[in-house]
Structure formats: C-alpha cells, structure tokens
Protein backbone atom coordinates (compact mmCIF):
# COMPACT_ATOMS: atom_id res chain seq x y z
CA MET A 1 15.26 -50.26 -56.48
CA GLN A 2 12.35 -48.34 -57.99
CA ARG A 3 14.79 -45.81 -59.43
CA ALA A 4 16.80 -48.67 -61.01
CA ALA A 5 13.64 -50.10 -62.57
CA VAL A 6 12.79 -46.76 -64.11
CA GLU A 7 16.33 -46.32 -65.44
CA GLN A 8 16.26 -49.83 -66.90
CA TRP A 9 12.92 -49.12 -68.58
CA ALA A 10 14.28 -45.88 -70.04
CA ALA A 11 17.45 -47.57 -71.29
CA SER A 12 15.55 -50.32 -73.05
CA ASP A 13 14.20 -48.01 -75.76
CA PRO A 14 15.15 -44.49 -76.96
CA ALA A 15 11.44 -43.63 -77.04
CA ASN A 16 11.16 -44.56 -73.35
CA ALA A 17 14.14 -42.37 -72.53
CA ALA A 18 12.59 -39.44 -74.37
CA GLU A 19 9.31 -40.01 -72.59
CA LEU A 20 11.04 -40.05 -69.17
CA GLU A 21 12.87 -36.80 -69.97
CA ARG A 22 9.63 -35.14 -71.09
CA MET A 23 7.88 -36.27 -67.92
CA GLN A 24 10.66 -34.82 -65.79
CA GLN A 25 10.44 -31.51 -67.64
CA ILE A 26 6.66 -31.36 -67.35
CA TRP A 27 6.79 -32.22 -63.65
CA ALA A 28 9.30 -29.43 -63.01
CA TRP A 29 7.38 -26.92 -65.17
CA SER A 30 4.00 -27.71 -63.61
CA GLY A 31 5.54 -27.33 -60.17
CA ASP A 32 6.50 -23.75 -61.05
CA GLU A 33 3.19 -22.82 -62.62
CA ALA A 34 0.51 -24.44 -60.44
CA ASP A 35 0.48 -22.45 -57.22
CA GLY A 36 -0.46 -24.45 -54.17
CA PHE A 37 -0.37 -27.83 -55.99
CA GLU A 38 0.86 -30.70 -53.72
CA PRO A 39 1.51 -33.89 -55.70
CA ASP A 40 0.66 -37.30 -54.26
CA VAL A 41 4.02 -39.08 -54.81
CA ASP A 42 2.80 -42.59 -54.01
CA ARG A 43 -0.13 -42.29 -56.35
CA ALA A 44 2.07 -40.82 -59.04
CA TRP A 45 4.50 -43.70 -58.73
CA ASN A 46 1.72 -46.28 -58.98
CA ASN A 47 0.39 -44.53 -62.07
CA PHE A 48 3.87 -44.49 -63.55
CA GLN A 49 4.40 -48.23 -62.92
CA GLN A 50 1.09 -48.94 -64.61
CA GLN A 51 2.36 -46.98 -67.55
CA ILE A 52 5.52 -49.08 -68.11
CA ARG A 53 3.63 -52.37 -67.83
CA PRO A 54 1.38 -53.84 -70.54
CA GLU A 55 -1.75 -53.11 -68.47
CA PRO A 56 -5.12 -51.60 -69.53
CA LYS A 57 -4.89 -47.96 -70.60
CA ILE A 58 -5.03 -45.24 -68.00
CA ILE A 59 -4.42 -41.51 -68.29
CA PRO A 60 -0.83 -40.80 -67.15
CA LEU A 61 -0.28 -38.24 -64.43
CA TYR A 62 1.90 -36.11 -66.67
CA GLN A 63 -0.98 -35.82 -69.15
CA LYS A 64 -3.32 -34.74 -66.37
CA LEU A 65 -0.78 -32.17 -65.25
CA ARG A 66 -0.41 -30.96 -68.81
CA TRP A 67 -4.19 -30.48 -69.12
CA VAL A 68 -4.34 -28.63 -65.79
CA ALA A 69 -1.43 -26.40 -66.72
CA ALA A 70 -2.86 -25.69 -70.18
CA ALA A 71 -6.24 -24.78 -68.71
CA ALA A 72 -4.57 -22.47 -66.21
CA ILE A 73 -2.64 -20.75 -68.99
CA LEU A 74 -5.79 -20.28 -71.09
CA VAL A 75 -7.74 -18.81 -68.17
CA GLY A 76 -4.85 -16.55 -67.28
CA ALA A 77 -4.48 -15.42 -70.89
CA PHE A 78 -8.20 -14.61 -71.10
CA PHE A 79 -8.13 -12.37 -68.05
CA ALA A 80 -4.87 -10.78 -69.15
CA VAL A 81 -6.38 -9.85 -72.52
CA ARG A 82 -9.48 -8.41 -70.84
CA TYR A 83 -7.27 -6.45 -68.43
CA PHE A 84 -5.01 -4.93 -71.04
CA GLN A 85 -7.77 -4.31 -73.59
CA GLY A 86 -9.85 -2.35 -71.07
CA PRO A 87 -13.61 -1.73 -71.43
CA ALA A 88 -15.20 -2.86 -74.69
CA SER A 89 -16.30 -0.17 -77.15
CA VAL A 90 -18.57 -0.34 -80.19
CA LYS A 91 -18.92 2.20 -83.01
CA TYR A 92 -22.13 2.97 -84.89
CA SER A 93 -22.60 5.15 -87.95
CA ALA A 94 -25.82 6.07 -89.78
CA SER A 95 -25.82 6.56 -93.53
CA GLU A 96 -28.13 8.93 -95.38
CA ILE A 97 -31.10 7.46 -93.54
CA ALA A 98 -31.87 7.25 -89.83
CA MET A 99 -30.71 4.20 -87.91
CA THR A 100 -31.93 2.67 -84.64
CA VAL A 101 -29.69 0.31 -82.66
CA SER A 102 -30.12 -1.69 -79.46
CA LEU A 103 -27.11 -1.41 -77.18
CA GLU A 104 -25.61 -4.08 -74.94
CA ASP A 105 -27.74 -2.98 -71.96
CA LEU A 106 -30.92 -2.89 -74.14
CA THR A 107 -30.86 0.91 -74.32
CA THR A 108 -32.02 2.06 -77.76
CA ALA A 109 -30.36 4.85 -79.71
CA SER A 110 -31.97 6.39 -82.79
CA LEU A 111 -29.30 8.09 -84.88
CA ASP A 112 -30.22 10.86 -87.30
CA PRO A 113 -28.83 10.58 -90.85
CA ARG A 114 -25.01 10.84 -90.91
CA ALA A 115 -24.78 10.76 -87.10
CA ARG A 116 -22.23 8.48 -85.47
CA MET A 117 -21.29 7.44 -81.97
CA GLU A 118 -18.85 5.30 -80.01
CA VAL A 119 -20.20 3.43 -76.98
CA THR A 120 -17.87 2.21 -74.21
CA TYR A 121 -19.04 -0.26 -71.55
CA GLY A 122 -17.31 -0.27 -68.17
CA LYS A 123 -18.16 1.09 -64.74
CA GLU A 124 -20.05 3.73 -66.72
CA ARG A 125 -21.90 3.50 -70.02
CA GLN A 126 -20.22 6.22 -72.07
CA VAL A 127 -21.25 7.56 -75.48
CA GLU A 128 -19.26 9.92 -77.69
CA LEU A 129 -21.87 11.39 -80.04
CA TYR A 130 -21.21 13.22 -83.31
CA GLY A 131 -24.46 14.56 -84.72
CA SER A 132 -27.95 14.02 -83.32
CA ALA A 133 -29.66 11.08 -81.65
CA TYR A 134 -32.56 10.13 -79.40
CA PHE A 135 -31.92 7.75 -76.48
CA GLU A 136 -34.26 5.54 -74.46
CA VAL A 137 -31.99 4.53 -71.60
CA VAL A 138 -32.53 1.40 -69.51
CA ARG A 139 -32.19 2.29 -65.84
CA ASP A 140 -29.08 0.98 -64.09
CA THR A 141 -28.23 2.74 -60.81
CA LEU A 142 -24.81 1.09 -60.68
CA ARG A 143 -23.73 2.22 -64.15
CA PRO A 144 -24.70 5.78 -65.12
CA PHE A 145 -25.33 6.49 -68.80
CA ILE A 146 -23.27 9.42 -70.06
CA VAL A 147 -23.45 11.12 -73.46
CA ARG A 148 -20.78 13.61 -74.57
CA SER A 149 -21.37 16.00 -77.47
CA ASN A 150 -18.85 18.74 -78.16
CA GLU A 151 -18.00 19.99 -74.64
CA VAL A 152 -21.39 19.08 -73.15
CA GLU A 153 -21.93 16.05 -70.90
CA VAL A 154 -25.37 14.55 -70.27
CA ARG A 155 -25.63 12.13 -67.34
CA VAL A 156 -28.73 9.97 -66.80
CA LEU A 157 -29.95 6.84 -65.02
CA GLY A 158 -33.10 5.99 -66.96
CA THR A 159 -34.90 8.38 -69.30
CA GLY A 160 -35.78 9.35 -72.84
CA PHE A 161 -33.94 12.36 -74.22
CA ARG A 162 -32.51 13.84 -77.41
CA VAL A 163 -29.10 15.36 -78.05
CA ASP A 164 -28.46 17.53 -81.12
CA GLY A 165 -24.82 18.29 -81.75
CA SER A 166 -23.51 20.45 -84.58
CA GLU A 167 -20.68 22.86 -85.33
CA ASN A 168 -22.83 25.60 -83.78
CA GLY A 169 -23.21 23.85 -80.41
CA THR A 170 -25.40 21.32 -78.62
CA THR A 171 -29.03 21.15 -77.51
CA VAL A 172 -30.54 18.65 -75.09
CA ARG A 173 -34.26 17.93 -74.64
CA VAL A 174 -35.88 15.54 -72.17
CA ARG A 175 -38.98 13.58 -73.09
CA HIS A 176 -39.35 11.76 -69.76
CA GLY A 177 -37.21 11.17 -66.69
CA ARG A 178 -34.40 13.47 -65.57
CA VAL A 179 -30.88 14.25 -66.78
CA GLN A 180 -28.01 16.40 -65.62
CA VAL A 181 -26.33 18.54 -68.27
CA SER A 182 -22.80 19.73 -67.49
CA LEU A 183 -20.45 22.20 -69.13
CA GLY A 184 -17.15 22.50 -67.31
CA ASP A 185 -17.94 23.17 -63.66
CA ARG A 186 -21.51 24.29 -64.41
CA SER A 187 -24.49 21.93 -64.45
CA LEU A 188 -28.26 22.05 -64.85
CA GLU A 189 -30.86 19.39 -64.06
CA LEU A 190 -33.63 18.88 -66.62
CA GLY A 191 -36.98 17.14 -66.28
CA ALA A 192 -39.66 16.08 -68.75
CA GLY A 193 -40.34 18.85 -71.26
CA ASP A 194 -37.18 20.80 -70.37
CA GLY A 195 -34.38 21.67 -72.75
CA VAL A 196 -31.07 23.49 -72.81
CA ARG A 197 -28.81 24.98 -75.49
CA VAL A 198 -25.06 25.47 -75.36
CA ARG A 199 -23.59 27.53 -78.17
CA ARG A 200 -20.07 26.70 -79.29
CA GLY A 201 -17.55 28.86 -77.50
CA SER A 202 -20.06 29.82 -74.79
CA ASP A 203 -20.07 28.73 -71.16
CA GLU A 204 -23.79 29.39 -70.74
CA LEU A 205 -26.44 26.71 -70.29
CA ALA A 206 -29.41 28.51 -71.85
CA PRO A 207 -32.88 27.01 -71.20
CA LEU A 208 -34.95 26.23 -74.30
CA GLU A 209 -38.51 27.41 -74.75
CA PRO A 210 -41.01 24.55 -75.27
CA ASP A 211 -41.59 23.71 -78.95
CA ASP A 212 -45.00 22.88 -80.37
CA VAL A 213 -43.35 20.24 -82.61
CA ILE A 214 -40.50 17.94 -81.50
CA ARG A 215 -39.24 15.16 -83.71
CA TRP A 216 -37.52 12.98 -81.12
CA ALA A 217 -36.51 10.22 -83.51
CA ASP A 218 -37.18 9.23 -87.11
CA ARG A 219 -40.85 8.30 -86.52
CA LEU A 220 -41.31 9.51 -82.96
CA VAL A 221 -43.01 12.90 -83.21
CA GLN A 222 -44.65 14.98 -80.48
CA PHE A 223 -47.10 17.83 -81.13
CA HIS A 224 -48.23 20.28 -78.47
CA GLU A 225 -50.91 22.73 -79.54
CA ALA A 226 -49.32 22.65 -83.00
CA PRO A 227 -51.27 24.16 -85.93
CA MET A 228 -52.36 21.52 -88.43
CA SER A 229 -50.49 23.30 -91.23
CA GLU A 230 -47.27 22.64 -89.29
CA VAL A 231 -48.37 19.12 -88.34
CA LEU A 232 -48.78 18.09 -91.97
CA ALA A 233 -45.51 19.75 -92.96
CA THR A 234 -43.75 17.68 -90.27
CA LEU A 235 -45.49 14.45 -91.25
CA ARG A 236 -44.46 14.93 -94.89
CA GLY A 237 -40.86 14.91 -93.70
CA VAL A 238 -41.41 11.69 -91.78
CA TYR A 239 -43.49 9.67 -94.24
CA PRO A 240 -42.81 9.57 -98.01
CA VAL A 241 -46.44 10.19 -98.98
CA GLU A 242 -48.49 13.21 -100.05
CA MET A 243 -51.18 14.53 -97.72
CA ARG A 244 -53.19 17.74 -97.63
CA LEU A 245 -56.06 19.60 -96.01
CA ALA A 246 -59.24 20.20 -98.00
CA SER A 247 -59.46 23.86 -96.91
CA PRO A 248 -56.94 26.45 -95.59
CA SER A 249 -59.11 27.13 -92.51
CA MET A 250 -58.36 23.59 -91.25
CA GLY A 251 -54.70 24.56 -90.96
CA ARG A 252 -55.47 26.75 -87.94
CA CYS A 253 -56.75 23.82 -85.87
CA ARG A 254 -54.24 22.84 -83.17
CA LEU A 255 -53.20 19.29 -82.30
CA THR A 256 -51.69 17.81 -79.15
CA ALA A 257 -50.59 14.22 -79.71
CA THR A 258 -47.55 11.90 -79.83
CA PHE A 259 -47.00 9.36 -82.60
CA ASP A 260 -44.41 6.63 -82.11
CA ASP A 261 -43.68 4.67 -85.30
CA GLU A 262 -47.35 4.20 -86.25
CA PRO A 263 -48.25 3.75 -89.94
CA ILE A 264 -49.32 6.97 -91.63
CA GLU A 265 -52.85 5.66 -92.20
CA LEU A 266 -53.32 5.26 -88.44
CA VAL A 267 -51.79 8.69 -87.73
CA LEU A 268 -54.19 10.40 -90.13
CA GLU A 269 -57.17 8.43 -88.84
CA VAL A 270 -56.39 9.58 -85.28
CA ILE A 271 -56.18 13.18 -86.48
CA ALA A 272 -59.44 12.88 -88.40
CA GLU A 273 -61.19 11.37 -85.36
CA THR A 274 -59.82 14.13 -83.11
CA PHE A 275 -61.41 16.92 -85.15
CA GLY A 276 -64.41 15.04 -86.55
CA TRP A 277 -62.99 15.08 -90.07
CA THR A 278 -63.04 12.48 -92.85
CA LEU A 279 -60.01 10.83 -94.41
CA SER A 280 -59.92 9.80 -98.06
CA SER A 281 -57.45 9.47 -100.92
CA ASP A 282 -57.53 10.66 -104.51
CA ALA A 283 -56.53 8.91 -107.74
CA SER A 284 -52.83 9.72 -107.21
CA GLY A 285 -52.83 8.08 -103.76
CA ALA A 286 -52.57 11.35 -101.83
CA TYR A 287 -54.36 11.47 -98.46
CA ILE A 288 -57.01 14.19 -97.99
CA LEU A 289 -58.38 15.42 -94.67
CA ASP A 290 -61.73 17.14 -95.06
CA GLY A 291 -64.00 18.88 -92.55
CA GLU A 292 -64.80 22.12 -90.83
CA GLY A 293 -62.10 24.59 -89.87
CA CYS A 294 -61.36 25.92 -86.39
C-alpha cells in the first residue's frame, strides 16, 4: 500500500518521478560510500511521507545523506592530497643583501647574500643549503634538524651554528649547543666554539682553529681577543658608516665581545667604555674613537 502511494505520487507529476529516481540513486550511492551506515527505514519512510504532503518544511533524508556523503568525500580528498603530495617544502632565496627568515617551527635562518635553501617538513626538518647561512634551531627531540651542504650533513636538536658552502667545500662552526657533522660513513661531534672543514673531493673532516673574528650572521659578530684594527675593518663591512681610530697604537688593543644586531652607536659606545676611550663624530658624520693605545 505504501509502495502504491509512492508510485501514485511519482506518476502525478514528471518532477515527482524525477525526484523519486534521484532519491533512489542517492540512496544506493550513499549505501556504497558510507561504511558502517545503517539506515532507519521507519524514520526514513516517515520523513518521505512528510515530503509528499503539504506539511511544514523539513530537511529530507536524501539531502542529509547527500551532505554526509559530500563531507566524507571532501575529508577523504584532503587526506589523499596530503598523502600523495608528501611532506611540505618551502624555498628561500636571498638577493644581493642578507635575508633572515623564520621557519615553520620558529627556527631562524640568516642567509648570506645570494644564498638559497629548500626546507622540507616531515618526520625530520631537512634543509638543502646552497651558499652560507646561520641557524638558530628550536629544540625538538622528536624531529631532528638536518642541514645538507655539498656532501656534508649537519644534524642538530637545538643549537646555533653556521654552515658555509662553496665550490671549494663546506665549513661548519658551532656558536652554542652541539651538532654532528657527517661525511659518508664518517662523523664528528662539535660543541660550542668548535668547527670543521671539508674540502671538495676530500673525505677528511678537518677541525678548524678558533678565529678571533666570526661573523655568524649579517649583524651577529663575535670577537675573541681580536685586534681593534681588525674589529673596525669587520664593523665597516657590517654597517654602512665610516669609523676610525684616532691613533695607530689603538689598533693593537684586543677586544672580546659579541654584538647581535645592535645599532652601530651602541656598539662603538661599548667599545669606548671597555677601553676608557671617547667616542665622537666629525663634520662628515664619521665616528672617531680616541684614547690611549695598548
């Protein structure tokens, strides 16, 4: 009897017949797609009867099924795209000036001019580096941070270090923390102040002697017992201003200090205070350090 009523309703109008056919198709399709779905037949029939009577509007069951099926397809498509695309990767490239970027995990990378890198995020944080860069890595014990330059691999958990890659080879220096540098089946662990050089075509991890001047990043410079003549030469390469010592004897004084993106006025004031010197400027705007030599 219920079947006859439905058939009579469908026969009364071509639009009703088309609607019935679409409902049958959707019901069959949703049955194939929605795993574990058990329809309530009585409730569905009541909803259907409400639909063919001039009663207040309700949302038909077929429309609910269509929404559920569409949502399932969208979710499935999202995970399928993520699966087939694999880990996300981002490329960075510095122009003629240095560039500092913050990565997805809040690690910062300071690229030297014309350096470039590709960062891939997955079970590991992987960086393919071409050129030179300084990294301040956020510690994550579950996802090691790995930098590859030429044939050298640098593996860290949380540290600050610099990698210089060129056609002649690769050097690695550690500012703080620890890293493991690998070349083929050979590896060497470095701590703060350590460095290693790998020449192209060589399988040797050669330790680096400590430098009295290390420019970690664009405006991150470390001096260790560096003569002031060399300090000012380095600072001129960092800041686009002129600066000089009042007498040659001052150039023999040695400085141990680290400057991290401070304005040049503050840098020179710290130096002047360290040696008991005075800081002034002339008519051209050049900075002048004056005082006794060492």
